[in-house]
Amino acid sequence: MKKIFVVISPLLMSTLLSANLACSKKVSTVSEEVLPSIPTSEPSKQEEDYSVIVEKYVEAQEEIPEEEKIFDSLERIDCICTTGRVNIREDMSTSSDRITQVDKGYTLELLDEYDEWYQVKYNNRIGYISKKYATRVVGYQTDSIMENMVYVEETKSLRDAYSNEETIKIPAGEVCEVYDQDEKDYLVSYKGNYGLISKDNVTVLENTFVVIDIYTQTLKVYVNNELLLETFVVTGKDSTPTYCGFFRIREKEEDVYWPEFKVKVDYWMPFNRGEGMHDASWRKKFGSDLYKEEGSHGCVNIPKKYITTIYDNVEVGTPVLVKR
């Protein structure tokens, strides 16, 4: 099988991408205008990386037989890629409530652009990211439904779904969303970046599981492979950290009192020796970098308003993935 690749100048690439987007299914629900192309003057390192990738797989689509495409469900769209850890907010203000926090290298669908903010889609919600912490890129979206998630046991290469060339590395201990598969590979999304990974040395996470991200201080609960709940948490401080790894809930208890800490919690779900998830009614704030100096003794402190939902939807044996 032969694939046709077009190596073009940045100006011509910009024209082709704009024309392609104008003819394809419109993604933006905010603006009817085609978004401008990636700027080519004095590009950042992130823009350079993605420009190289784009040049490798910009193809003469009409000349490629349909059977030569690896997965037909992918289409290219305008996106942003974060250049550092950043909050996704409900409105265009740093005082607006945070929807969540994502780390560097996270790719999100771009819906619209304002003077100082990008409007993006995150887990079917509309949010805003400051332009200070993101850059425009060309990414993918898929109309396939997420099948499940996989836990990466060793560092893997995320390969482009068209050129089959490596785009980024996925560190061991991370999780990826699976949208399609063939005999050898999964079509996955990792931090919003779509591509292929080999099926070897991964663990399939099915049905119900919990993902705790120490770096972003977030906890996500999945039920039947769908995101049920996401919240900010507080994990262990630097001197008594919450350890990373793949664990399972060992037991479930209610109304637990620890005399050594003079603390009572409504719900307790241990998963790694003395580390576990529980409510923390004494805390008024969660997330951010609070954990570094005001963190726990290793447990995952959860806002009281979410603890009942979590407790009711997990069981003894439910997987808990703690990653950084």
C-alpha atoms as a PDB file:
ATOM      1  CA  MET A   1       0.000   0.000   0.000  1.00  0.00           C
ATOM      2  CA  LYS A   2       1.254   3.493  -0.805  1.00  0.00           C
ATOM      3  CA  LYS A   3       0.549   6.702   1.079  1.00  0.00           C
ATOM      4  CA  ILE A   4       1.012  10.114  -0.476  1.00  0.00           C
ATOM      5  CA  PHE A   5       2.622  12.769   1.690  1.00  0.00           C
ATOM      6  CA  VAL A   6       2.850  16.411   0.741  1.00  0.00           C
ATOM      7  CA  VAL A   7       5.771  18.480   1.993  1.00  0.00           C
ATOM      8  CA  ILE A   8       4.709  22.092   1.760  1.00  0.00           C
ATOM      9  CA  SER A   9       5.753  25.524   2.912  1.00  0.00           C
ATOM     10  CA  PRO A  10       4.210  26.933   6.115  1.00  0.00           C
ATOM     11  CA  LEU A  11       2.180  29.447   4.090  1.00  0.00           C
ATOM     12  CA  LEU A  12       0.782  26.818   1.724  1.00  0.00           C
ATOM     13  CA  MET A  13       0.170  24.432   4.641  1.00  0.00           C
ATOM     14  CA  SER A  14      -1.857  27.145   6.354  1.00  0.00           C
ATOM     15  CA  THR A  15      -3.960  27.635   3.199  1.00  0.00           C
ATOM     16  CA  LEU A  16      -4.595  23.910   2.758  1.00  0.00           C
ATOM     17  CA  LEU A  17      -5.567  23.379   6.396  1.00  0.00           C
ATOM     18  CA  SER A  18      -7.973  26.316   6.319  1.00  0.00           C
ATOM     19  CA  ALA A  19      -9.559  25.024   3.106  1.00  0.00           C
ATOM     20  CA  ASN A  20      -9.840  21.518   4.530  1.00  0.00           C
ATOM     21  CA  LEU A  21     -11.520  22.768   7.701  1.00  0.00           C
ATOM     22  CA  ALA A  22     -13.947  24.905   5.726  1.00  0.00           C
ATOM     23  CA  CYS A  23     -15.103  21.868   3.693  1.00  0.00           C
ATOM     24  CA  SER A  24     -15.294  19.418   6.593  1.00  0.00           C
ATOM     25  CA  LYS A  25     -17.969  19.074   9.281  1.00  0.00           C
ATOM     26  CA  LYS A  26     -18.015  22.263  11.362  1.00  0.00           C
ATOM     27  CA  VAL A  27     -16.895  21.669  14.927  1.00  0.00           C
ATOM     28  CA  SER A  28     -17.239  25.121  16.476  1.00  0.00           C
ATOM     29  CA  THR A  29     -20.598  25.821  18.035  1.00  0.00           C
ATOM     30  CA  VAL A  30     -19.627  29.410  18.790  1.00  0.00           C
ATOM     31  CA  SER A  31     -18.278  30.936  15.589  1.00  0.00           C
ATOM     32  CA  GLU A  32     -19.254  30.300  11.972  1.00  0.00           C
ATOM     33  CA  GLU A  33     -15.878  31.517  10.723  1.00  0.00           C
ATOM     34  CA  VAL A  34     -12.959  29.219   9.990  1.00  0.00           C
ATOM     35  CA  LEU A  35     -10.350  29.713  12.689  1.00  0.00           C
ATOM     36  CA  PRO A  36      -7.032  31.182  11.529  1.00  0.00           C
ATOM     37  CA  SER A  37      -4.142  28.803  10.947  1.00  0.00           C
ATOM     38  CA  ILE A  38      -1.206  28.178  13.264  1.00  0.00           C
ATOM     39  CA  PRO A  39       1.072  31.250  13.352  1.00  0.00           C
ATOM     40  CA  THR A  40       4.419  30.606  11.658  1.00  0.00           C
ATOM     41  CA  SER A  41       6.427  33.626  12.823  1.00  0.00           C
ATOM     42  CA  GLU A  42       8.746  32.903  15.745  1.00  0.00           C
ATOM     43  CA  PRO A  43       6.965  29.665  16.745  1.00  0.00           C
ATOM     44  CA  SER A  44       7.323  28.260  20.228  1.00  0.00           C
ATOM     45  CA  LYS A  45       8.979  24.874  20.782  1.00  0.00           C
ATOM     46  CA  GLN A  46       5.525  23.280  21.154  1.00  0.00           C
ATOM     47  CA  GLU A  47       4.367  24.833  17.872  1.00  0.00           C
ATOM     48  CA  GLU A  48       7.533  23.643  16.133  1.00  0.00           C
ATOM     49  CA  ASP A  49       6.963  20.085  17.368  1.00  0.00           C
ATOM     50  CA  TYR A  50       3.387  19.986  16.145  1.00  0.00           C
ATOM     51  CA  SER A  51       4.214  21.750  12.859  1.00  0.00           C
ATOM     52  CA  VAL A  52       6.696  18.974  12.089  1.00  0.00           C
ATOM     53  CA  ILE A  53       4.032  16.366  12.854  1.00  0.00           C
ATOM     54  CA  VAL A  54       1.498  18.152  10.651  1.00  0.00           C
ATOM     55  CA  GLU A  55       3.943  18.331   7.742  1.00  0.00           C
ATOM     56  CA  LYS A  56       4.546  14.589   8.047  1.00  0.00           C
ATOM     57  CA  TYR A  57       0.925  13.595   7.667  1.00  0.00           C
ATOM     58  CA  VAL A  58      -0.749  16.321   5.628  1.00  0.00           C
ATOM     59  CA  GLU A  59      -1.971  14.098   2.802  1.00  0.00           C
ATOM     60  CA  ALA A  60      -3.805  14.501  -0.488  1.00  0.00           C
ATOM     61  CA  GLN A  61      -6.927  12.978   1.090  1.00  0.00           C
ATOM     62  CA  GLU A  62      -8.857  12.545  -2.136  1.00  0.00           C
ATOM     63  CA  GLU A  63      -6.053  10.406  -3.607  1.00  0.00           C
ATOM     64  CA  ILE A  64      -5.782   7.929  -0.737  1.00  0.00           C
ATOM     65  CA  PRO A  65      -7.909   4.774  -1.020  1.00  0.00           C
ATOM     66  CA  GLU A  66     -10.281   4.493   1.937  1.00  0.00           C
ATOM     67  CA  GLU A  67      -8.906   1.093   2.968  1.00  0.00           C
ATOM     68  CA  GLU A  68      -5.446   2.592   3.533  1.00  0.00           C
ATOM     69  CA  LYS A  69      -6.600   4.689   6.475  1.00  0.00           C
ATOM     70  CA  ILE A  70      -5.909   2.995   9.794  1.00  0.00           C
ATOM     71  CA  PHE A  71      -9.015   4.284  11.603  1.00  0.00           C
ATOM     72  CA  ASP A  72     -11.726   6.166   9.736  1.00  0.00           C
ATOM     73  CA  SER A  73     -13.325   7.720  12.834  1.00  0.00           C
ATOM     74  CA  LEU A  74     -10.610  10.393  13.217  1.00  0.00           C
ATOM     75  CA  GLU A  75     -10.832  13.882  11.778  1.00  0.00           C
ATOM     76  CA  ARG A  76      -8.503  16.842  12.156  1.00  0.00           C
ATOM     77  CA  ILE A  77      -9.687  19.880  14.103  1.00  0.00           C
ATOM     78  CA  ASP A  78      -8.308  23.099  15.586  1.00  0.00           C
ATOM     79  CA  CYS A  79      -7.052  22.574  19.138  1.00  0.00           C
ATOM     80  CA  ILE A  80      -4.906  24.162  21.812  1.00  0.00           C
ATOM     81  CA  CYS A  81      -2.047  22.466  23.645  1.00  0.00           C
ATOM     82  CA  THR A  82      -1.145  23.534  27.176  1.00  0.00           C
ATOM     83  CA  THR A  83       2.412  24.735  27.756  1.00  0.00           C
ATOM     84  CA  GLY A  84       2.276  24.261  31.528  1.00  0.00           C
ATOM     85  CA  ARG A  85      -0.087  23.293  34.323  1.00  0.00           C
ATOM     86  CA  VAL A  86      -3.221  25.407  33.930  1.00  0.00           C
ATOM     87  CA  ASN A  87      -6.755  25.782  35.265  1.00  0.00           C
ATOM     88  CA  ILE A  88      -9.798  25.366  33.037  1.00  0.00           C
ATOM     89  CA  ARG A  89     -12.301  27.937  34.266  1.00  0.00           C
ATOM     90  CA  GLU A  90     -16.031  28.411  33.887  1.00  0.00           C
ATOM     91  CA  ASP A  91     -15.656  31.967  32.581  1.00  0.00           C
ATOM     92  CA  MET A  92     -13.017  34.320  31.182  1.00  0.00           C
ATOM     93  CA  SER A  93     -11.667  35.474  34.536  1.00  0.00           C
ATOM     94  CA  THR A  94      -8.983  34.264  36.933  1.00  0.00           C
ATOM     95  CA  SER A  95     -11.549  34.673  39.716  1.00  0.00           C
ATOM     96  CA  SER A  96     -14.018  32.363  37.959  1.00  0.00           C
ATOM     97  CA  ASP A  97     -14.600  28.886  39.405  1.00  0.00           C
ATOM     98  CA  ARG A  98     -12.238  26.156  38.233  1.00  0.00           C
ATOM     99  CA  ILE A  99     -13.677  23.234  36.314  1.00  0.00           C
ATOM    100  CA  THR A 100     -10.442  21.281  36.648  1.00  0.00           C
ATOM    101  CA  GLN A 101      -6.694  21.572  36.238  1.00  0.00           C
ATOM    102  CA  VAL A 102      -4.645  19.933  33.486  1.00  0.00           C
ATOM    103  CA  ASP A 103      -0.910  19.602  33.107  1.00  0.00           C
ATOM    104  CA  LYS A 104       1.536  20.398  30.327  1.00  0.00           C
ATOM    105  CA  GLY A 105       0.943  18.807  26.935  1.00  0.00           C
ATOM    106  CA  TYR A 106      -2.836  18.457  27.270  1.00  0.00           C
ATOM    107  CA  THR A 107      -4.672  18.944  23.958  1.00  0.00           C
ATOM    108  CA  LEU A 108      -8.233  20.306  23.924  1.00  0.00           C
ATOM    109  CA  GLU A 109     -10.691  21.107  21.151  1.00  0.00           C
ATOM    110  CA  LEU A 110     -10.706  24.833  20.377  1.00  0.00           C
ATOM    111  CA  LEU A 111     -14.211  26.290  20.113  1.00  0.00           C
ATOM    112  CA  ASP A 112     -13.470  30.011  19.945  1.00  0.00           C
ATOM    113  CA  GLU A 113     -10.769  32.585  20.657  1.00  0.00           C
ATOM    114  CA  TYR A 114     -10.865  35.872  22.543  1.00  0.00           C
ATOM    115  CA  ASP A 115      -8.297  38.556  23.393  1.00  0.00           C
ATOM    116  CA  GLU A 116      -6.781  36.731  26.376  1.00  0.00           C
ATOM    117  CA  TRP A 117      -8.681  33.434  26.483  1.00  0.00           C
ATOM    118  CA  TYR A 118      -9.326  30.266  24.517  1.00  0.00           C
ATOM    119  CA  GLN A 119     -12.766  28.678  24.716  1.00  0.00           C
ATOM    120  CA  VAL A 120     -12.333  24.879  24.817  1.00  0.00           C
ATOM    121  CA  LYS A 121     -14.272  21.674  25.292  1.00  0.00           C
ATOM    122  CA  TYR A 122     -13.376  19.458  28.263  1.00  0.00           C
ATOM    123  CA  ASN A 123     -15.387  16.280  28.988  1.00  0.00           C
ATOM    124  CA  ASN A 124     -18.385  17.722  27.118  1.00  0.00           C
ATOM    125  CA  ARG A 125     -18.207  20.947  29.131  1.00  0.00           C
ATOM    126  CA  ILE A 126     -17.280  24.380  27.829  1.00  0.00           C
ATOM    127  CA  GLY A 127     -14.442  26.106  29.643  1.00  0.00           C
ATOM    128  CA  TYR A 128     -11.792  28.773  29.249  1.00  0.00           C
ATOM    129  CA  ILE A 129      -7.983  28.675  29.328  1.00  0.00           C
ATOM    130  CA  SER A 130      -5.687  31.687  29.522  1.00  0.00           C
ATOM    131  CA  LYS A 131      -3.643  32.208  26.363  1.00  0.00           C
ATOM    132  CA  LYS A 132      -0.567  32.601  28.559  1.00  0.00           C
ATOM    133  CA  TYR A 133      -0.497  28.832  29.125  1.00  0.00           C
ATOM    134  CA  ALA A 134      -1.508  27.347  25.763  1.00  0.00           C
ATOM    135  CA  THR A 135      -0.718  27.451  22.055  1.00  0.00           C
ATOM    136  CA  ARG A 136      -2.748  26.594  18.962  1.00  0.00           C
ATOM    137  CA  VAL A 137      -2.170  23.244  17.247  1.00  0.00           C
ATOM    138  CA  VAL A 138      -3.908  20.900  14.837  1.00  0.00           C
ATOM    139  CA  GLY A 139      -5.334  17.862  16.625  1.00  0.00           C
ATOM    140  CA  TYR A 140      -7.840  15.073  16.201  1.00  0.00           C
ATOM    141  CA  GLN A 141     -11.331  14.231  17.337  1.00  0.00           C
ATOM    142  CA  THR A 142     -13.299  11.008  16.920  1.00  0.00           C
ATOM    143  CA  ASP A 143     -16.976  10.191  16.698  1.00  0.00           C
ATOM    144  CA  SER A 144     -16.356   6.791  18.308  1.00  0.00           C
ATOM    145  CA  ILE A 145     -17.539   6.108  21.855  1.00  0.00           C
ATOM    146  CA  MET A 146     -14.893   5.330  24.487  1.00  0.00           C
ATOM    147  CA  GLU A 147     -14.706   1.549  24.889  1.00  0.00           C
ATOM    148  CA  ASN A 148     -12.659   1.452  28.087  1.00  0.00           C
ATOM    149  CA  MET A 149      -9.408   2.711  29.576  1.00  0.00           C
ATOM    150  CA  VAL A 150      -6.000   1.078  29.804  1.00  0.00           C
ATOM    151  CA  TYR A 151      -3.255   1.372  32.400  1.00  0.00           C
ATOM    152  CA  VAL A 152       0.189   1.676  30.789  1.00  0.00           C
ATOM    153  CA  GLU A 153       2.627  -0.614  32.590  1.00  0.00           C
ATOM    154  CA  GLU A 154       5.759   0.611  30.811  1.00  0.00           C
ATOM    155  CA  THR A 155       6.724   3.706  28.809  1.00  0.00           C
ATOM    156  CA  LYS A 156       5.080   3.608  25.386  1.00  0.00           C
ATOM    157  CA  SER A 157       5.234   5.532  22.140  1.00  0.00           C
ATOM    158  CA  LEU A 158       2.051   7.253  20.995  1.00  0.00           C
ATOM    159  CA  ARG A 159       2.119   6.907  17.204  1.00  0.00           C
ATOM    160  CA  ASP A 160       0.330   9.108  14.707  1.00  0.00           C
ATOM    161  CA  ALA A 161      -2.756   7.350  13.326  1.00  0.00           C
ATOM    162  CA  TYR A 162      -1.898   8.318   9.745  1.00  0.00           C
ATOM    163  CA  SER A 163       1.880   8.331   9.413  1.00  0.00           C
ATOM    164  CA  ASN A 164       2.437   5.695  12.162  1.00  0.00           C
ATOM    165  CA  GLU A 165       5.392   7.764  13.413  1.00  0.00           C
ATOM    166  CA  GLU A 166       6.007   8.491  17.115  1.00  0.00           C
ATOM    167  CA  THR A 167       4.559  11.778  18.362  1.00  0.00           C
ATOM    168  CA  ILE A 168       5.042  11.663  22.152  1.00  0.00           C
ATOM    169  CA  LYS A 169       6.052   9.271  24.925  1.00  0.00           C
ATOM    170  CA  ILE A 170       3.478   7.995  27.428  1.00  0.00           C
ATOM    171  CA  PRO A 171       5.169   7.368  30.800  1.00  0.00           C
ATOM    172  CA  ALA A 172       4.607   4.151  32.713  1.00  0.00           C
ATOM    173  CA  GLY A 173       1.759   4.438  35.199  1.00  0.00           C
ATOM    174  CA  GLU A 174      -0.453   6.621  32.999  1.00  0.00           C
ATOM    175  CA  VAL A 175      -3.946   5.859  31.689  1.00  0.00           C
ATOM    176  CA  CYS A 176      -5.352   6.187  28.174  1.00  0.00           C
ATOM    177  CA  GLU A 177      -8.896   6.228  26.830  1.00  0.00           C
ATOM    178  CA  VAL A 178      -9.527   3.519  24.199  1.00  0.00           C
ATOM    179  CA  TYR A 179     -11.773   4.361  21.229  1.00  0.00           C
ATOM    180  CA  ASP A 180     -10.980   1.594  18.726  1.00  0.00           C
ATOM    181  CA  GLN A 181      -8.612  -1.311  18.207  1.00  0.00           C
ATOM    182  CA  ASP A 182      -7.266  -3.842  15.762  1.00  0.00           C
ATOM    183  CA  GLU A 183      -5.187  -6.993  16.274  1.00  0.00           C
ATOM    184  CA  LYS A 184      -2.038  -5.171  17.399  1.00  0.00           C
ATOM    185  CA  ASP A 185      -2.952  -1.653  18.474  1.00  0.00           C
ATOM    186  CA  TYR A 186      -5.375   0.488  20.443  1.00  0.00           C
ATOM    187  CA  LEU A 187      -6.576   3.831  19.133  1.00  0.00           C
ATOM    188  CA  VAL A 188      -6.308   5.936  22.293  1.00  0.00           C
ATOM    189  CA  SER A 189      -6.459   9.431  23.654  1.00  0.00           C
ATOM    190  CA  TYR A 190      -3.771  10.487  26.115  1.00  0.00           C
ATOM    191  CA  LYS A 191      -4.155  14.014  27.502  1.00  0.00           C
ATOM    192  CA  GLY A 192      -6.385  14.708  24.523  1.00  0.00           C
ATOM    193  CA  ASN A 193      -3.721  13.518  22.045  1.00  0.00           C
ATOM    194  CA  TYR A 194      -5.064  10.775  19.766  1.00  0.00           C
ATOM    195  CA  GLY A 195      -2.852   8.042  18.370  1.00  0.00           C
ATOM    196  CA  LEU A 196      -1.906   4.368  18.421  1.00  0.00           C
ATOM    197  CA  ILE A 197      -0.245   2.298  21.128  1.00  0.00           C
ATOM    198  CA  SER A 198       0.644  -1.379  21.047  1.00  0.00           C
ATOM    199  CA  LYS A 199      -1.466  -3.772  23.092  1.00  0.00           C
ATOM    200  CA  ASP A 200       1.435  -5.328  24.957  1.00  0.00           C
ATOM    201  CA  ASN A 201       2.105  -4.447  28.612  1.00  0.00           C
ATOM    202  CA  VAL A 202      -1.169  -2.660  29.305  1.00  0.00           C
ATOM    203  CA  THR A 203      -3.965  -3.482  31.748  1.00  0.00           C
ATOM    204  CA  VAL A 204      -7.550  -2.922  30.674  1.00  0.00           C
ATOM    205  CA  LEU A 205      -9.575  -0.991  33.266  1.00  0.00           C
ATOM    206  CA  GLU A 206     -13.182  -2.065  32.950  1.00  0.00           C
ATOM    207  CA  ASN A 207     -16.445  -0.919  34.502  1.00  0.00           C
ATOM    208  CA  THR A 208     -15.658   0.996  37.724  1.00  0.00           C
ATOM    209  CA  PHE A 209     -12.308   2.485  38.771  1.00  0.00           C
ATOM    210  CA  VAL A 210     -10.741   5.558  40.384  1.00  0.00           C
ATOM    211  CA  VAL A 211      -7.903   7.716  39.009  1.00  0.00           C
ATOM    212  CA  ILE A 212      -6.044  10.057  41.382  1.00  0.00           C
ATOM    213  CA  ASP A 213      -3.626  12.566  39.850  1.00  0.00           C
ATOM    214  CA  ILE A 214      -1.176  13.999  42.385  1.00  0.00           C
ATOM    215  CA  TYR A 215       0.205  16.597  39.978  1.00  0.00           C
ATOM    216  CA  THR A 216      -3.190  18.192  39.248  1.00  0.00           C
ATOM    217  CA  GLN A 217      -4.679  17.221  42.654  1.00  0.00           C
ATOM    218  CA  THR A 218      -7.769  15.720  41.038  1.00  0.00           C
ATOM    219  CA  LEU A 219      -9.774  12.538  41.547  1.00  0.00           C
ATOM    220  CA  LYS A 220     -11.972  10.947  38.875  1.00  0.00           C
ATOM    221  CA  VAL A 221     -14.471   8.134  39.325  1.00  0.00           C
ATOM    222  CA  TYR A 222     -15.495   6.095  36.283  1.00  0.00           C
ATOM    223  CA  VAL A 223     -18.566   3.853  36.294  1.00  0.00           C
ATOM    224  CA  ASN A 224     -19.299   1.618  33.295  1.00  0.00           C
ATOM    225  CA  ASN A 225     -16.373   3.332  31.548  1.00  0.00           C
ATOM    226  CA  GLU A 226     -18.029   6.756  31.822  1.00  0.00           C
ATOM    227  CA  LEU A 227     -16.821   9.638  33.960  1.00  0.00           C
ATOM    228  CA  LEU A 228     -19.197   9.877  36.918  1.00  0.00           C
ATOM    229  CA  LEU A 229     -17.443  12.452  39.068  1.00  0.00           C
ATOM    230  CA  GLU A 230     -14.366  14.675  39.094  1.00  0.00           C
ATOM    231  CA  THR A 231     -13.209  16.756  42.046  1.00  0.00           C
ATOM    232  CA  PHE A 232     -10.184  18.499  43.486  1.00  0.00           C
ATOM    233  CA  VAL A 233      -8.563  16.717  46.447  1.00  0.00           C
ATOM    234  CA  VAL A 234      -5.618  17.087  48.818  1.00  0.00           C
ATOM    235  CA  THR A 235      -3.053  14.266  48.905  1.00  0.00           C
ATOM    236  CA  GLY A 236      -0.066  13.605  51.169  1.00  0.00           C
ATOM    237  CA  LYS A 237       2.478  16.342  51.833  1.00  0.00           C
ATOM    238  CA  ASP A 238       6.069  15.991  50.673  1.00  0.00           C
ATOM    239  CA  SER A 239       7.250  14.417  53.944  1.00  0.00           C
ATOM    240  CA  THR A 240       4.369  11.881  54.001  1.00  0.00           C
ATOM    241  CA  PRO A 241       3.458  11.453  50.322  1.00  0.00           C
ATOM    242  CA  THR A 242       0.641   9.497  48.733  1.00  0.00           C
ATOM    243  CA  TYR A 243       2.416   6.716  46.843  1.00  0.00           C
ATOM    244  CA  CYS A 244       1.839   6.172  43.142  1.00  0.00           C
ATOM    245  CA  GLY A 245       0.806   2.800  41.781  1.00  0.00           C
ATOM    246  CA  PHE A 246      -2.017   0.484  40.851  1.00  0.00           C
ATOM    247  CA  PHE A 247      -4.069  -0.568  43.894  1.00  0.00           C
ATOM    248  CA  ARG A 248      -7.497  -1.880  44.856  1.00  0.00           C
ATOM    249  CA  ILE A 249      -9.886  -0.797  47.577  1.00  0.00           C
ATOM    250  CA  ARG A 250      -9.302  -3.149  50.535  1.00  0.00           C
ATOM    251  CA  GLU A 251     -12.389  -2.350  52.603  1.00  0.00           C
ATOM    252  CA  LYS A 252     -15.170   0.177  53.173  1.00  0.00           C
ATOM    253  CA  GLU A 253     -15.996   1.607  56.596  1.00  0.00           C
ATOM    254  CA  GLU A 254     -18.327   4.261  57.968  1.00  0.00           C
ATOM    255  CA  ASP A 255     -17.982   6.545  61.006  1.00  0.00           C
ATOM    256  CA  VAL A 256     -14.296   5.992  61.634  1.00  0.00           C
ATOM    257  CA  TYR A 257     -12.411   7.786  64.433  1.00  0.00           C
ATOM    258  CA  TRP A 258      -8.615   7.990  64.682  1.00  0.00           C
ATOM    259  CA  PRO A 259      -7.640   8.999  68.244  1.00  0.00           C
ATOM    260  CA  GLU A 260      -4.000   9.652  67.327  1.00  0.00           C
ATOM    261  CA  PHE A 261      -5.143  12.397  64.932  1.00  0.00           C
ATOM    262  CA  LYS A 262      -8.326  13.313  66.834  1.00  0.00           C
ATOM    263  CA  VAL A 263     -10.205  13.091  63.560  1.00  0.00           C
ATOM    264  CA  LYS A 264     -13.531  11.470  62.639  1.00  0.00           C
ATOM    265  CA  VAL A 265     -14.576  10.745  59.056  1.00  0.00           C
ATOM    266  CA  ASP A 266     -17.885   9.590  57.634  1.00  0.00           C
ATOM    267  CA  TYR A 267     -16.419   7.247  55.009  1.00  0.00           C
ATOM    268  CA  TRP A 268     -13.085   5.439  54.797  1.00  0.00           C
ATOM    269  CA  MET A 269     -11.800   3.462  51.773  1.00  0.00           C
ATOM    270  CA  PRO A 270      -8.182   2.247  52.245  1.00  0.00           C
ATOM    271  CA  PHE A 271      -6.285   1.050  49.174  1.00  0.00           C
ATOM    272  CA  ASN A 272      -2.569   0.952  50.111  1.00  0.00           C
ATOM    273  CA  ARG A 273      -1.699  -0.016  53.690  1.00  0.00           C
ATOM    274  CA  GLY A 274      -2.616   3.042  55.740  1.00  0.00           C
ATOM    275  CA  GLU A 275      -3.426   5.194  52.714  1.00  0.00           C
ATOM    276  CA  GLY A 276      -6.993   5.603  51.586  1.00  0.00           C
ATOM    277  CA  MET A 277      -9.774   7.946  50.518  1.00  0.00           C
ATOM    278  CA  HIS A 278     -11.935   9.772  53.043  1.00  0.00           C
ATOM    279  CA  ASP A 279     -13.878  12.985  53.574  1.00  0.00           C
ATOM    280  CA  ALA A 280     -12.157  15.962  55.199  1.00  0.00           C
ATOM    281  CA  SER A 281     -14.773  18.248  56.729  1.00  0.00           C
ATOM    282  CA  TRP A 282     -12.041  20.330  58.407  1.00  0.00           C
ATOM    283  CA  ARG A 283     -10.713  21.525  55.040  1.00  0.00           C
ATOM    284  CA  LYS A 284     -12.205  24.556  53.315  1.00  0.00           C
ATOM    285  CA  LYS A 285     -10.016  24.413  50.190  1.00  0.00           C
ATOM    286  CA  PHE A 286      -8.878  21.612  47.893  1.00  0.00           C
ATOM    287  CA  GLY A 287      -6.573  21.347  44.884  1.00  0.00           C
ATOM    288  CA  SER A 288      -3.740  23.648  43.809  1.00  0.00           C
ATOM    289  CA  ASP A 289      -0.415  23.183  45.676  1.00  0.00           C
ATOM    290  CA  LEU A 290      -1.947  22.944  49.153  1.00  0.00           C
ATOM    291  CA  TYR A 291      -0.706  19.390  49.504  1.00  0.00           C
ATOM    292  CA  LYS A 292       2.971  20.377  49.427  1.00  0.00           C
ATOM    293  CA  GLU A 293       2.922  21.969  52.885  1.00  0.00           C
ATOM    294  CA  GLU A 294      -0.629  21.400  54.150  1.00  0.00           C
ATOM    295  CA  GLY A 295      -1.146  17.914  52.786  1.00  0.00           C
ATOM    296  CA  SER A 296      -2.289  14.787  54.583  1.00  0.00           C
ATOM    297  CA  HIS A 297      -0.291  11.955  56.141  1.00  0.00           C
ATOM    298  CA  GLY A 298      -0.710  10.044  52.870  1.00  0.00           C
ATOM    299  CA  CYS A 299      -4.482   9.764  52.535  1.00  0.00           C
ATOM    300  CA  VAL A 300      -6.580  11.374  49.825  1.00  0.00           C
ATOM    301  CA  ASN A 301      -8.769  14.072  51.377  1.00  0.00           C
ATOM    302  CA  ILE A 302     -12.063  14.526  49.512  1.00  0.00           C
ATOM    303  CA  PRO A 303     -14.674  17.314  49.788  1.00  0.00           C
ATOM    304  CA  LYS A 304     -17.560  16.211  51.998  1.00  0.00           C
ATOM    305  CA  LYS A 305     -20.186  16.947  49.319  1.00  0.00           C
ATOM    306  CA  TYR A 306     -18.721  14.277  47.000  1.00  0.00           C
ATOM    307  CA  ILE A 307     -17.760  11.514  49.402  1.00  0.00           C
ATOM    308  CA  THR A 308     -21.170   9.810  49.564  1.00  0.00           C
ATOM    309  CA  THR A 309     -21.371   9.479  45.776  1.00  0.00           C
ATOM    310  CA  ILE A 310     -17.903   7.963  45.649  1.00  0.00           C
ATOM    311  CA  TYR A 311     -18.588   5.562  48.529  1.00  0.00           C
ATOM    312  CA  ASP A 312     -21.854   4.376  46.985  1.00  0.00           C
ATOM    313  CA  ASN A 313     -20.304   3.644  43.590  1.00  0.00           C
ATOM    314  CA  VAL A 314     -17.136   1.739  44.531  1.00  0.00           C
ATOM    315  CA  GLU A 315     -16.728  -1.707  46.053  1.00  0.00           C
ATOM    316  CA  VAL A 316     -14.019  -3.714  47.774  1.00  0.00           C
ATOM    317  CA  GLY A 317     -11.673  -4.636  44.929  1.00  0.00           C
ATOM    318  CA  THR A 318     -12.367  -1.550  42.817  1.00  0.00           C
ATOM    319  CA  PRO A 319      -9.102  -0.483  41.071  1.00  0.00           C
ATOM    320  CA  VAL A 320      -7.457   2.729  42.240  1.00  0.00           C
ATOM    321  CA  LEU A 321      -4.745   4.223  40.060  1.00  0.00           C
ATOM    322  CA  VAL A 322      -2.553   6.886  41.698  1.00  0.00           C
ATOM    323  CA  LYS A 323      -0.337   8.741  39.248  1.00  0.00           C
ATOM    324  CA  ARG A 324       1.787  11.851  39.140  1.00  0.00           C
END
